[in-house]
């Protein structure tokens, strides 16, 4: 079964939340996915916080 990770979980994981890290370690790295919506939300917020890092992308 493929597990689709939601944006809140990904934010927790990127923030080094111990519970998110513990949960992520239990997942099969070959059976996880994120939606295009989660990808966009993460990308958009990263861009908004530091636009100079993303200037070369458009």
C-alpha atoms as a PDB file:
ATOM      1  CA  UNK A   1       0.000   0.000   0.000  1.00  0.00           C
ATOM      2  CA  UNK A   2       1.261   3.486  -0.883  1.00  0.00           C
ATOM      3  CA  UNK A   3       0.968   6.119   1.848  1.00  0.00           C
ATOM      4  CA  UNK A   4       0.266   9.705   0.774  1.00  0.00           C
ATOM      5  CA  UNK A   5       1.839  12.135   3.236  1.00  0.00           C
ATOM      6  CA  UNK A   6      -0.124  15.306   3.947  1.00  0.00           C
ATOM      7  CA  UNK A   7       1.285  18.808   4.207  1.00  0.00           C
ATOM      8  CA  UNK A   8       1.004  19.029   7.998  1.00  0.00           C
ATOM      9  CA  UNK A   9       3.016  15.840   8.442  1.00  0.00           C
ATOM     10  CA  UNK A  10       5.645  17.046   5.958  1.00  0.00           C
ATOM     11  CA  UNK A  11       5.961  20.384   7.781  1.00  0.00           C
ATOM     12  CA  UNK A  12       6.398  18.531  11.072  1.00  0.00           C
ATOM     13  CA  UNK A  13       9.006  16.311   9.448  1.00  0.00           C
ATOM     14  CA  UNK A  14      10.901  19.282   8.010  1.00  0.00           C
ATOM     15  CA  UNK A  15      10.727  20.930  11.441  1.00  0.00           C
ATOM     16  CA  UNK A  16      12.360  17.864  13.025  1.00  0.00           C
ATOM     17  CA  UNK A  17       9.342  16.953  15.112  1.00  0.00           C
ATOM     18  CA  UNK A  18      10.323  13.833  17.090  1.00  0.00           C
ATOM     19  CA  UNK A  19       6.913  12.210  16.616  1.00  0.00           C
ATOM     20  CA  UNK A  20       6.960  12.844  12.850  1.00  0.00           C
ATOM     21  CA  UNK A  21      10.484  11.476  12.558  1.00  0.00           C
ATOM     22  CA  UNK A  22       9.519   8.397  14.544  1.00  0.00           C
ATOM     23  CA  UNK A  23       6.484   7.805  12.325  1.00  0.00           C
ATOM     24  CA  UNK A  24       8.493   8.399   9.130  1.00  0.00           C
ATOM     25  CA  UNK A  25      10.995   5.743  10.185  1.00  0.00           C
ATOM     26  CA  UNK A  26       8.198   3.173  10.241  1.00  0.00           C
ATOM     27  CA  UNK A  27       7.231   3.861   6.615  1.00  0.00           C
ATOM     28  CA  UNK A  28       8.604   1.990   3.627  1.00  0.00           C
ATOM     29  CA  UNK A  29      10.559   4.625   1.710  1.00  0.00           C
ATOM     30  CA  UNK A  30       9.604   2.946  -1.567  1.00  0.00           C
ATOM     31  CA  UNK A  31       5.876   3.211  -0.781  1.00  0.00           C
ATOM     32  CA  UNK A  32       5.360   6.859   0.112  1.00  0.00           C
ATOM     33  CA  UNK A  33       4.074   9.757  -1.972  1.00  0.00           C
ATOM     34  CA  UNK A  34       2.960  13.347  -1.684  1.00  0.00           C
ATOM     35  CA  UNK A  35       0.207  15.031  -3.639  1.00  0.00           C
ATOM     36  CA  UNK A  36       0.882  17.819  -6.075  1.00  0.00           C
ATOM     37  CA  UNK A  37      -1.132  20.036  -3.721  1.00  0.00           C
ATOM     38  CA  UNK A  38       1.217  19.303  -0.805  1.00  0.00           C
ATOM     39  CA  UNK A  39       4.209  19.878  -3.070  1.00  0.00           C
ATOM     40  CA  UNK A  40       2.805  23.252  -4.143  1.00  0.00           C
ATOM     41  CA  UNK A  41       1.969  24.298  -0.567  1.00  0.00           C
ATOM     42  CA  UNK A  42       5.491  23.501   0.608  1.00  0.00           C
ATOM     43  CA  UNK A  43       7.117  25.155  -2.400  1.00  0.00           C
ATOM     44  CA  UNK A  44       4.909  28.257  -2.216  1.00  0.00           C
ATOM     45  CA  UNK A  45       5.557  28.794   1.492  1.00  0.00           C
ATOM     46  CA  UNK A  46       9.294  28.240   1.091  1.00  0.00           C
ATOM     47  CA  UNK A  47       9.300  30.774  -1.752  1.00  0.00           C
ATOM     48  CA  UNK A  48       7.289  33.248   0.268  1.00  0.00           C
ATOM     49  CA  UNK A  49       9.698  33.024   3.206  1.00  0.00           C
ATOM     50  CA  UNK A  50      12.873  33.356   1.127  1.00  0.00           C
ATOM     51  CA  UNK A  51      12.176  34.549  -2.447  1.00  0.00           C
ATOM     52  CA  UNK A  52      15.848  35.219  -3.241  1.00  0.00           C
ATOM     53  CA  UNK A  53      16.618  31.481  -2.974  1.00  0.00           C
ATOM     54  CA  UNK A  54      14.107  30.783  -5.730  1.00  0.00           C
ATOM     55  CA  UNK A  55      14.775  33.758  -8.018  1.00  0.00           C
ATOM     56  CA  UNK A  56      16.545  31.616 -10.616  1.00  0.00           C
ATOM     57  CA  UNK A  57      13.410  29.450 -11.032  1.00  0.00           C
ATOM     58  CA  UNK A  58      11.172  32.111 -12.407  1.00  0.00           C
END
